[in-house]
Amino acid sequence: MRNWWRGRTLHDRVSLLVAGAVAAAVLLVSAGAWLAVREIQQDKISAELLADARTIAEHPWQWLSTRGARTGPATGGSGGREIGPCWQILDSAGAVSGGSDTGLPVTPLATRVATGRHQGEALEEIGLGPGDYLMLTVPIEGGGAVQVAMDRDPDARVLALFALLLAVGCGAGIAGAGLLGRTVARAGLAPVDRLTGAVEDVAVTMDLTRPISVSGDDEIARLGRSVNAMLAAIDASRRAQRALVEDAGHELRTPLTSIRTNVELLLAVERRPELAHRLPPEERAGLLADLDAQVRELATLTTELVELSREETSRESIEEVEFAEVVTAAINRVRIRAPGLLFDAGLSPVTVPGRPGELERMVVNVLDNAAKWSPPGGAVTVRLTPAGVLTVADTGPGIAGEDLPYVFDRFYRAPAARSMPGSGLGLAIVAQTATQHGGTVTAGTNRPHGTIVTVRLPVQEPR
């Protein structure tokens, strides 16, 4: 049953639910109506039987003188009242004293009422000939009892006809419920169909720039706006990827062209020995050194491009990181590459949530940038506060004011930096890592000269 239900479309499910709810309501109302009519009929018969029995019980012996008549003697307030066709009077011993032409059975309960062993009236269902009767036995003051009975078949026929009418009405109601369910499903799910069609159109055309039309403030409208936000995010991601590829291709073209030129020159000398005198050994060594530097630059650029394009699924898991230890490890790595600089570190213990490897690469990039611009014998000042604020200050020439807004852009290199080694991706990786860890990074002027880079990361709350 569950698999069958899951195999239905949403339209079918809504139709079945609406039809089922309406059908259940119709059936419940019909059953309640039939039961109510049956109780009314029962109460009516009981009231008529009780009235007949009391009429006879007022003057029982005068009724015996009528010998089966349905209209009693004109005596007192009950004179001339017509009663049912079936009645009889029992004496105090429970024997039949007389009554209508149609005799009634003297049941044990009726005998107890007549003899006084049962207090009050007694209502019973009896069979009398081919019909079903309802018989009431009422005690007579001074002893004995009156029995009256009424045929239930006419009321049963009325109830049967009423049940037939209710069944026809239920059938028509259930059929109408089915049509209503289809109509409700079609009208209620029309926005879903439009949204589905729009999403499928986007999937086919791959056009992420055309938003889905949304109107209203209901749940479907909220879903449509969420889909539009998702499409905008995907489009922005795709544009960023395209820009990264284009920028990477542009940046790779220069070193690759230089490498190709140098390699072709060396190959030409190797293939034509007579040209060897045109390339002295010191120039050959210079070409090889230049090739080595360009290959290293190309490897660094490739590594940084991979870092920038890293997906969330391939990254480290987040954990509690002792940031002071990460900064210390980064300083030790950069100190090996820049032995002529003084690293002045003042680090306060602080724990941040993050990925240790990425945080260390971020700090290394900041320190490498400071070391690259610091003069020989200069100092790089590193400070880490308990609030998770890391500052790295160098004593280099500093960054021009017009370049500060762009230093964290991919491949951006200030005019003064274009003659220096580097890819223009180091600080972009710093900004990306800080953002992915819920932090920020800024660059400013270090007084009296130099640059100060400030990284702010959220601190792990104590448990």
Protein backbone atom coordinates (compact mmCIF):
# COMPACT_ATOMS: atom_id res chain seq x y z
CA MET A 1 0.00 0.00 0.00
CA ARG A 2 2.82 2.38 0.87
CA ASN A 3 4.61 1.70 -2.42
CA TRP A 4 1.34 2.21 -4.30
CA TRP A 5 0.78 5.55 -2.56
CA ARG A 6 4.35 6.68 -3.24
CA GLY A 7 3.89 5.76 -6.89
CA ARG A 8 0.99 8.22 -7.28
CA THR A 9 1.54 11.72 -8.59
CA LEU A 10 0.97 14.71 -6.33
CA HIS A 11 -2.22 15.50 -8.27
CA ASP A 12 -3.54 11.99 -7.60
CA ARG A 13 -2.65 12.18 -3.91
CA VAL A 14 -4.41 15.51 -3.41
CA SER A 15 -7.44 14.29 -5.38
CA LEU A 16 -7.67 11.11 -3.32
CA LEU A 17 -7.27 12.97 -0.04
CA VAL A 18 -9.97 15.52 -0.89
CA ALA A 19 -12.33 12.86 -2.24
CA GLY A 20 -11.69 10.63 0.79
CA ALA A 21 -12.34 13.46 3.24
CA VAL A 22 -15.61 14.49 1.54
CA ALA A 23 -16.71 10.84 1.19
CA ALA A 24 -16.02 10.17 4.87
CA ALA A 25 -18.01 13.27 5.85
CA VAL A 26 -20.94 12.25 3.62
CA LEU A 27 -20.95 8.70 5.01
CA LEU A 28 -20.79 9.90 8.61
CA VAL A 29 -23.61 12.39 8.11
CA SER A 30 -25.75 9.79 6.33
CA ALA A 31 -25.16 7.18 9.03
CA GLY A 32 -25.98 9.74 11.71
CA ALA A 33 -29.18 10.77 9.91
CA TRP A 34 -30.34 7.15 9.57
CA LEU A 35 -29.65 6.41 13.23
CA ALA A 36 -31.44 9.59 14.28
CA VAL A 37 -34.55 8.69 12.20
CA ARG A 38 -34.54 5.16 13.62
CA GLU A 39 -34.44 6.53 17.17
CA ILE A 40 -37.25 8.95 16.39
CA GLN A 41 -39.36 6.10 15.01
CA GLN A 42 -38.58 4.00 18.05
CA ASP A 43 -39.54 6.81 20.42
CA LYS A 44 -42.75 7.44 18.49
CA ILE A 45 -43.83 3.80 18.70
CA SER A 46 -42.95 3.64 22.39
CA ALA A 47 -44.92 6.81 23.11
CA GLU A 48 -48.00 5.50 21.23
CA LEU A 49 -47.81 2.14 23.01
CA LEU A 50 -47.51 3.82 26.40
CA ALA A 51 -50.48 6.11 25.67
CA ASP A 52 -52.64 3.13 24.57
CA ALA A 53 -51.64 1.07 27.58
CA ARG A 54 -52.41 3.84 30.04
CA THR A 55 -55.73 4.51 28.34
CA ILE A 56 -56.78 0.89 28.85
CA ALA A 57 -55.26 0.72 32.34
CA GLU A 58 -57.53 3.55 33.56
CA HIS A 59 -60.72 1.43 33.07
CA PRO A 60 -59.55 -2.08 32.18
CA TRP A 61 -62.80 -3.90 32.93
CA GLN A 62 -64.87 -1.54 30.82
CA TRP A 63 -62.48 -2.25 27.91
CA LEU A 64 -63.08 -5.95 28.43
CA SER A 65 -66.75 -5.36 27.84
CA THR A 66 -65.99 -4.01 24.34
CA ARG A 67 -64.42 -7.37 23.34
CA GLY A 68 -61.77 -6.32 20.87
CA ALA A 69 -63.02 -2.90 19.91
CA ARG A 70 -60.37 -0.28 19.08
CA THR A 71 -62.43 2.61 20.53
CA GLY A 72 -63.00 2.45 24.27
CA PRO A 73 -66.02 3.42 26.30
CA ALA A 74 -66.86 7.09 26.65
CA THR A 75 -65.68 7.37 30.24
CA GLY A 76 -63.71 10.16 31.80
CA GLY A 77 -61.11 11.99 29.87
CA SER A 78 -60.15 8.95 27.78
CA GLY A 79 -63.55 8.25 26.36
CA GLY A 80 -63.69 7.52 22.67
CA ARG A 81 -59.90 7.34 22.13
CA GLU A 82 -58.82 4.96 19.36
CA ILE A 83 -55.99 2.56 20.24
CA GLY A 84 -53.88 0.06 18.32
CA PRO A 85 -55.32 -3.21 16.98
CA CYS A 86 -53.41 -5.50 19.34
CA TRP A 87 -54.08 -5.38 23.10
CA GLN A 88 -55.05 -7.63 25.95
CA ILE A 89 -55.50 -7.55 29.72
CA LEU A 90 -53.83 -9.92 32.17
CA ASP A 91 -55.19 -10.61 35.63
CA SER A 92 -53.10 -10.57 38.77
CA ALA A 93 -52.06 -14.18 38.17
CA GLY A 94 -50.80 -13.44 34.65
CA ALA A 95 -53.68 -15.10 32.84
CA VAL A 96 -55.37 -13.47 29.82
CA SER A 97 -58.67 -11.87 30.78
CA GLY A 98 -59.55 -10.58 27.33
CA GLY A 99 -58.49 -8.23 24.61
CA SER A 100 -58.40 -7.69 20.87
CA ASP A 101 -59.03 -10.37 18.28
CA THR A 102 -55.30 -10.77 17.79
CA GLY A 103 -53.90 -12.39 20.89
CA LEU A 104 -50.52 -11.48 22.29
CA PRO A 105 -47.99 -13.86 23.82
CA VAL A 106 -47.69 -13.81 27.61
CA THR A 107 -43.95 -13.70 28.10
CA PRO A 108 -42.24 -14.40 31.44
CA LEU A 109 -41.46 -10.69 31.73
CA ALA A 110 -45.13 -9.80 31.12
CA THR A 111 -46.15 -12.35 33.79
CA ARG A 112 -43.82 -10.76 36.33
CA VAL A 113 -45.29 -7.32 35.56
CA ALA A 114 -48.87 -8.65 36.02
CA THR A 115 -48.04 -10.43 39.28
CA GLY A 116 -46.20 -7.42 40.64
CA ARG A 117 -42.76 -9.00 40.66
CA HIS A 118 -41.45 -6.43 38.14
CA GLN A 119 -41.83 -2.76 38.86
CA GLY A 120 -42.71 -0.44 35.99
CA GLU A 121 -43.37 -1.09 32.31
CA ALA A 122 -41.68 -3.75 30.19
CA LEU A 123 -40.91 -3.22 26.46
CA GLU A 124 -40.18 -6.29 24.33
CA GLU A 125 -39.76 -7.25 20.69
CA ILE A 126 -41.96 -10.18 19.65
CA GLY A 127 -42.85 -12.09 16.53
CA LEU A 128 -46.52 -12.22 15.72
CA GLY A 129 -47.39 -14.08 12.60
CA PRO A 130 -45.18 -12.92 9.68
CA GLY A 131 -44.45 -9.53 11.28
CA ASP A 132 -42.26 -8.10 13.98
CA TYR A 133 -44.05 -6.28 16.79
CA LEU A 134 -43.02 -4.09 19.68
CA MET A 135 -45.01 -5.03 22.82
CA LEU A 136 -45.40 -2.94 25.98
CA THR A 137 -46.69 -4.37 29.26
CA VAL A 138 -47.99 -1.84 31.82
CA PRO A 139 -49.14 -2.79 35.35
CA ILE A 140 -52.74 -2.05 36.41
CA GLU A 141 -53.36 -0.47 39.80
CA GLY A 142 -54.69 -3.18 42.07
CA GLY A 143 -53.11 -6.05 40.11
CA GLY A 144 -52.86 -7.32 36.60
CA ALA A 145 -51.37 -5.71 33.51
CA VAL A 146 -52.22 -4.31 30.08
CA GLN A 147 -50.37 -5.52 26.99
CA VAL A 148 -50.35 -3.48 23.79
CA ALA A 149 -48.36 -4.18 20.62
CA MET A 150 -47.68 -2.40 17.36
CA ASP A 151 -46.44 -3.74 14.04
CA ARG A 152 -42.92 -2.47 13.21
CA ASP A 153 -42.96 -3.43 9.54
CA PRO A 154 -44.29 -0.06 8.26
CA ASP A 155 -41.55 1.78 10.15
CA ALA A 156 -38.97 -0.73 8.91
CA ARG A 157 -40.08 -0.05 5.34
CA VAL A 158 -39.74 3.67 5.94
CA LEU A 159 -36.22 3.16 7.31
CA ALA A 160 -35.30 0.91 4.36
CA LEU A 161 -36.53 3.53 1.88
CA PHE A 162 -34.66 6.24 3.76
CA ALA A 163 -31.48 4.10 3.74
CA LEU A 164 -31.85 3.63 -0.04
CA LEU A 165 -32.19 7.37 -0.54
CA LEU A 166 -29.15 7.97 1.66
CA ALA A 167 -27.14 5.38 -0.31
CA VAL A 168 -28.01 7.10 -3.58
CA GLY A 169 -27.08 10.45 -2.04
CA CYS A 170 -23.79 9.04 -0.75
CA GLY A 171 -22.94 7.66 -4.17
CA ALA A 172 -23.66 10.99 -5.79
CA GLY A 173 -21.72 12.78 -3.04
CA ILE A 174 -18.68 10.52 -3.42
CA ALA A 175 -18.74 10.95 -7.19
CA GLY A 176 -18.96 14.70 -6.72
CA ALA A 177 -16.13 14.49 -4.18
CA GLY A 178 -13.96 12.78 -6.77
CA LEU A 179 -14.61 15.55 -9.29
CA LEU A 180 -14.09 18.16 -6.58
CA GLY A 181 -10.80 16.53 -5.62
CA ARG A 182 -9.54 16.68 -9.20
CA THR A 183 -10.63 20.31 -9.49
CA VAL A 184 -9.01 21.28 -6.20
CA ALA A 185 -5.81 19.44 -7.10
CA ARG A 186 -5.67 21.07 -10.53
CA ALA A 187 -6.31 24.56 -9.15
CA GLY A 188 -4.19 24.21 -6.02
CA LEU A 189 -1.19 22.69 -7.77
CA ALA A 190 -1.27 24.98 -10.80
CA PRO A 191 1.48 27.20 -9.29
CA VAL A 192 3.56 24.09 -8.61
CA ASP A 193 3.13 23.00 -12.22
CA ARG A 194 4.22 26.43 -13.44
CA LEU A 195 7.23 26.40 -11.11
CA THR A 196 8.15 22.88 -12.22
CA GLY A 197 7.89 23.87 -15.87
CA ALA A 198 10.08 26.92 -15.31
CA VAL A 199 12.75 24.89 -13.49
CA GLU A 200 12.69 22.22 -16.20
CA ASP A 201 13.07 24.95 -18.82
CA VAL A 202 16.13 26.26 -16.98
CA ALA A 203 17.52 22.72 -16.83
CA VAL A 204 17.10 22.33 -20.59
CA THR A 205 18.28 25.78 -21.71
CA MET A 206 20.92 26.25 -18.95
CA ASP A 207 19.92 29.93 -18.96
CA LEU A 208 20.52 31.00 -15.35
CA THR A 209 20.04 34.71 -16.06
CA ARG A 210 16.27 34.52 -16.55
CA PRO A 211 14.51 34.43 -13.16
CA ILE A 212 11.32 32.50 -12.56
CA SER A 213 8.17 34.63 -12.44
CA VAL A 214 6.91 34.80 -8.83
CA SER A 215 3.76 36.46 -7.47
CA GLY A 216 2.12 36.44 -4.04
CA ASP A 217 3.43 35.60 -0.59
CA ASP A 218 2.33 32.00 -0.14
CA GLU A 219 4.53 28.93 0.23
CA ILE A 220 4.81 28.44 -3.54
CA ALA A 221 5.95 32.04 -3.94
CA ARG A 222 8.56 31.53 -1.22
CA LEU A 223 9.76 28.40 -2.99
CA GLY A 224 9.97 30.32 -6.28
CA ARG A 225 12.02 33.06 -4.66
CA SER A 226 14.30 30.44 -3.10
CA VAL A 227 14.79 28.83 -6.52
CA ASN A 228 15.61 32.26 -7.99
CA ALA A 229 18.15 32.85 -5.22
CA MET A 230 19.68 29.44 -5.91
CA LEU A 231 19.85 30.14 -9.65
CA ALA A 232 21.49 33.51 -8.96
CA ALA A 233 24.05 31.84 -6.69
CA ILE A 234 24.79 29.18 -9.32
CA ASP A 235 25.10 31.83 -12.01
CA ALA A 236 27.47 33.87 -9.82
CA SER A 237 29.53 30.76 -9.13
CA ARG A 238 29.68 29.90 -12.82
CA ARG A 239 30.68 33.46 -13.70
CA ALA A 240 33.38 33.35 -11.01
CA GLN A 241 34.68 30.06 -12.39
CA ARG A 242 34.70 31.47 -15.92
CA ALA A 243 36.54 34.58 -14.72
CA LEU A 244 39.03 32.44 -12.84
CA VAL A 245 39.71 30.33 -15.92
CA GLU A 246 40.06 33.38 -18.13
CA ASP A 247 42.34 35.15 -15.66
CA ALA A 248 44.37 31.99 -15.13
CA GLY A 249 44.78 31.56 -18.88
CA HIS A 250 45.94 35.15 -19.17
CA GLU A 251 48.43 34.79 -16.32
CA LEU A 252 49.73 31.46 -17.59
CA ARG A 253 50.29 32.77 -21.10
CA THR A 254 53.22 35.03 -20.14
CA PRO A 255 55.41 32.46 -18.32
CA LEU A 256 54.57 29.78 -20.87
CA THR A 257 55.56 32.08 -23.75
CA SER A 258 58.82 32.95 -22.01
CA ILE A 259 59.57 29.29 -21.28
CA ARG A 260 58.80 28.32 -24.86
CA THR A 261 61.09 31.07 -26.23
CA ASN A 262 64.00 30.07 -24.00
CA VAL A 263 63.56 26.36 -24.71
CA GLU A 264 63.45 26.99 -28.48
CA LEU A 265 66.65 29.02 -28.24
CA LEU A 266 68.44 26.28 -26.32
CA LEU A 267 67.18 23.62 -28.74
CA ALA A 268 68.35 25.65 -31.71
CA VAL A 269 71.87 25.85 -30.23
CA GLU A 270 71.83 22.10 -29.55
CA ARG A 271 70.74 21.27 -33.09
CA ARG A 272 73.20 23.68 -34.81
CA PRO A 273 76.55 23.54 -33.01
CA GLU A 274 77.91 26.30 -35.26
CA LEU A 275 75.68 28.73 -33.34
CA ALA A 276 77.14 27.75 -29.98
CA HIS A 277 79.60 30.67 -30.08
CA ARG A 278 76.67 33.07 -30.16
CA LEU A 279 75.47 31.78 -26.78
CA PRO A 280 78.31 32.08 -24.26
CA PRO A 281 78.24 29.78 -21.22
CA GLU A 282 77.26 32.59 -18.86
CA GLU A 283 74.23 33.47 -21.04
CA ARG A 284 73.31 29.79 -21.28
CA ALA A 285 73.46 29.54 -17.49
CA GLY A 286 71.30 32.64 -17.25
CA LEU A 287 68.71 31.12 -19.59
CA LEU A 288 68.62 27.93 -17.51
CA ALA A 289 68.24 29.93 -14.30
CA ASP A 290 65.47 31.94 -15.92
CA LEU A 291 63.74 28.71 -16.97
CA ASP A 292 64.04 27.35 -13.45
CA ALA A 293 62.52 30.52 -11.96
CA GLN A 294 59.69 30.52 -14.48
CA VAL A 295 58.91 26.84 -13.86
CA ARG A 296 58.83 27.52 -10.12
CA GLU A 297 56.57 30.49 -10.71
CA LEU A 298 54.32 28.34 -12.87
CA ALA A 299 54.18 25.62 -10.19
CA THR A 300 53.31 28.21 -7.54
CA LEU A 301 50.62 29.71 -9.74
CA THR A 302 49.13 26.26 -10.39
CA THR A 303 49.10 25.42 -6.67
CA GLU A 304 47.38 28.69 -5.83
CA LEU A 305 44.81 28.20 -8.59
CA VAL A 306 43.98 24.76 -7.17
CA GLU A 307 43.63 26.32 -3.72
CA LEU A 308 41.28 29.00 -5.00
CA SER A 309 39.07 26.51 -6.83
CA ARG A 310 38.92 24.01 -3.98
CA GLU A 311 35.41 22.69 -3.34
CA GLU A 312 33.88 22.34 0.10
CA THR A 313 33.72 18.56 -0.26
CA SER A 314 37.50 18.27 -0.65
CA ARG A 315 38.39 20.46 2.32
CA GLU A 316 39.40 19.59 5.84
CA SER A 317 36.85 19.16 8.57
CA ILE A 318 36.29 22.04 10.98
CA GLU A 319 37.79 21.60 14.45
CA GLU A 320 38.93 23.65 17.42
CA VAL A 321 42.29 25.14 16.44
CA GLU A 322 44.88 26.74 18.73
CA PHE A 323 45.51 29.69 16.45
CA ALA A 324 48.72 30.76 18.24
CA GLU A 325 50.29 27.39 17.41
CA VAL A 326 49.25 27.74 13.76
CA VAL A 327 50.81 31.22 13.55
CA THR A 328 54.01 29.95 15.21
CA ALA A 329 54.30 27.11 12.67
CA ALA A 330 53.76 29.59 9.81
CA ILE A 331 56.45 31.94 11.17
CA ASN A 332 58.92 29.06 11.38
CA ARG A 333 58.27 28.14 7.74
CA VAL A 334 58.69 31.70 6.43
CA ARG A 335 61.76 32.35 8.62
CA ILE A 336 63.57 29.57 6.70
CA ARG A 337 62.79 31.27 3.37
CA ALA A 338 63.70 34.75 4.66
CA PRO A 339 66.69 34.28 7.00
CA GLY A 340 67.72 37.92 6.78
CA LEU A 341 64.57 39.25 8.46
CA LEU A 342 63.63 39.64 12.10
CA PHE A 343 60.25 38.20 13.08
CA ASP A 344 58.91 39.85 16.22
CA ALA A 345 56.02 37.68 17.47
CA GLY A 346 53.68 38.45 20.35
CA LEU A 347 51.00 35.77 20.39
CA SER A 348 48.20 35.35 22.94
CA PRO A 349 46.55 31.93 23.27
CA VAL A 350 43.23 31.84 21.43
CA THR A 351 41.05 29.03 20.07
CA VAL A 352 39.16 29.45 16.80
CA PRO A 353 36.92 27.04 14.88
CA GLY A 354 38.49 26.23 11.53
CA ARG A 355 40.62 24.06 9.30
CA PRO A 356 44.24 24.01 10.52
CA GLY A 357 45.89 23.50 7.13
CA GLU A 358 43.97 26.31 5.45
CA LEU A 359 44.57 28.70 8.35
CA GLU A 360 48.32 27.99 8.22
CA ARG A 361 48.44 28.61 4.45
CA MET A 362 46.58 31.87 5.02
CA VAL A 363 49.10 33.06 7.63
CA VAL A 364 52.05 31.90 5.48
CA ASN A 365 50.74 33.94 2.53
CA VAL A 366 50.44 37.05 4.71
CA LEU A 367 53.97 36.53 6.09
CA ASP A 368 55.40 35.80 2.63
CA ASN A 369 53.92 39.06 1.37
CA ALA A 370 55.44 40.95 4.31
CA ALA A 371 58.82 39.25 3.84
CA LYS A 372 58.85 39.99 0.11
CA TRP A 373 58.47 43.72 0.67
CA SER A 374 60.63 44.12 3.77
CA PRO A 375 64.19 45.33 3.15
CA PRO A 376 67.16 43.14 4.19
CA GLY A 377 67.56 43.29 7.94
CA GLY A 378 64.02 44.61 8.31
CA ALA A 379 61.49 43.44 10.85
CA VAL A 380 58.11 41.76 10.49
CA THR A 381 55.89 42.31 13.52
CA VAL A 382 53.27 39.67 14.27
CA ARG A 383 50.62 40.12 16.96
CA LEU A 384 47.70 37.89 17.98
CA THR A 385 45.13 39.07 20.54
CA PRO A 386 42.73 36.96 22.66
CA ALA A 387 39.90 38.37 20.53
CA GLY A 388 41.19 36.45 17.48
CA VAL A 389 42.76 39.48 15.75
CA LEU A 390 46.02 38.78 13.89
CA THR A 391 48.13 41.68 12.61
CA VAL A 392 51.24 41.39 10.42
CA ALA A 393 53.22 44.60 9.85
CA ASP A 394 56.26 45.01 7.61
CA THR A 395 58.75 47.84 7.10
CA GLY A 396 58.61 47.92 3.31
CA PRO A 397 57.57 50.78 1.02
CA GLY A 398 53.85 50.20 1.74
CA ILE A 399 50.89 50.04 -0.61
CA ALA A 400 49.72 53.08 -2.52
CA GLY A 401 46.33 54.40 -1.45
CA GLU A 402 44.80 53.83 -4.89
CA ASP A 403 45.87 50.16 -4.79
CA LEU A 404 44.51 49.31 -1.31
CA PRO A 405 40.93 48.50 -2.45
CA TYR A 406 42.23 45.91 -4.93
CA VAL A 407 45.05 44.10 -3.13
CA PHE A 408 42.78 41.12 -2.30
CA ASP A 409 41.46 40.71 -5.86
CA ARG A 410 42.59 37.73 -7.88
CA PHE A 411 45.65 38.36 -10.07
CA TYR A 412 45.80 41.99 -9.06
CA ARG A 413 49.35 43.31 -8.93
CA ALA A 414 50.17 46.92 -8.18
CA PRO A 415 52.44 48.68 -10.68
CA ALA A 416 55.30 48.56 -8.18
CA ALA A 417 54.85 44.78 -7.80
CA ARG A 418 54.83 43.79 -11.44
CA SER A 419 58.61 43.48 -11.52
CA MET A 420 58.59 41.25 -8.43
CA PRO A 421 58.02 37.49 -8.42
CA GLY A 422 54.51 36.37 -7.62
CA SER A 423 51.17 35.50 -9.16
CA GLY A 424 48.84 38.01 -7.55
CA LEU A 425 46.88 35.19 -5.87
CA GLY A 426 48.45 35.06 -2.41
CA LEU A 427 46.33 37.76 -0.77
CA ALA A 428 43.25 36.57 -2.70
CA ILE A 429 43.67 33.20 -0.99
CA VAL A 430 43.99 35.00 2.35
CA ALA A 431 40.70 36.84 1.76
CA GLN A 432 38.93 33.68 0.64
CA THR A 433 40.13 31.66 3.64
CA ALA A 434 39.17 34.39 6.10
CA THR A 435 35.69 34.65 4.58
CA GLN A 436 35.19 30.88 4.62
CA HIS A 437 36.04 30.89 8.34
CA GLY A 438 33.56 33.64 9.09
CA GLY A 439 36.20 36.36 9.40
CA THR A 440 37.52 39.41 7.59
CA VAL A 441 40.85 40.74 6.34
CA THR A 442 41.96 44.31 5.69
CA ALA A 443 45.15 46.03 4.60
CA GLY A 444 46.37 49.47 5.63
CA THR A 445 49.41 51.67 6.05
CA ASN A 446 51.90 50.90 8.83
CA ARG A 447 53.37 54.05 10.38
CA PRO A 448 55.93 55.41 9.66
CA HIS A 449 56.21 53.17 6.59
CA GLY A 450 55.20 49.72 5.49
CA THR A 451 51.97 47.74 5.33
CA ILE A 452 49.85 46.18 8.06
CA VAL A 453 47.46 43.32 7.28
CA THR A 454 44.74 42.57 9.87
CA VAL A 455 42.86 39.24 9.99
CA ARG A 456 39.86 38.89 12.31
CA LEU A 457 38.46 35.44 13.04
CA PRO A 458 35.56 34.41 15.31
CA VAL A 459 36.73 32.94 18.61
CA GLN A 460 35.54 29.56 19.87
CA GLU A 461 33.14 30.09 22.78
CA PRO A 462 34.26 28.35 26.00
CA ARG A 463 32.27 25.25 26.91
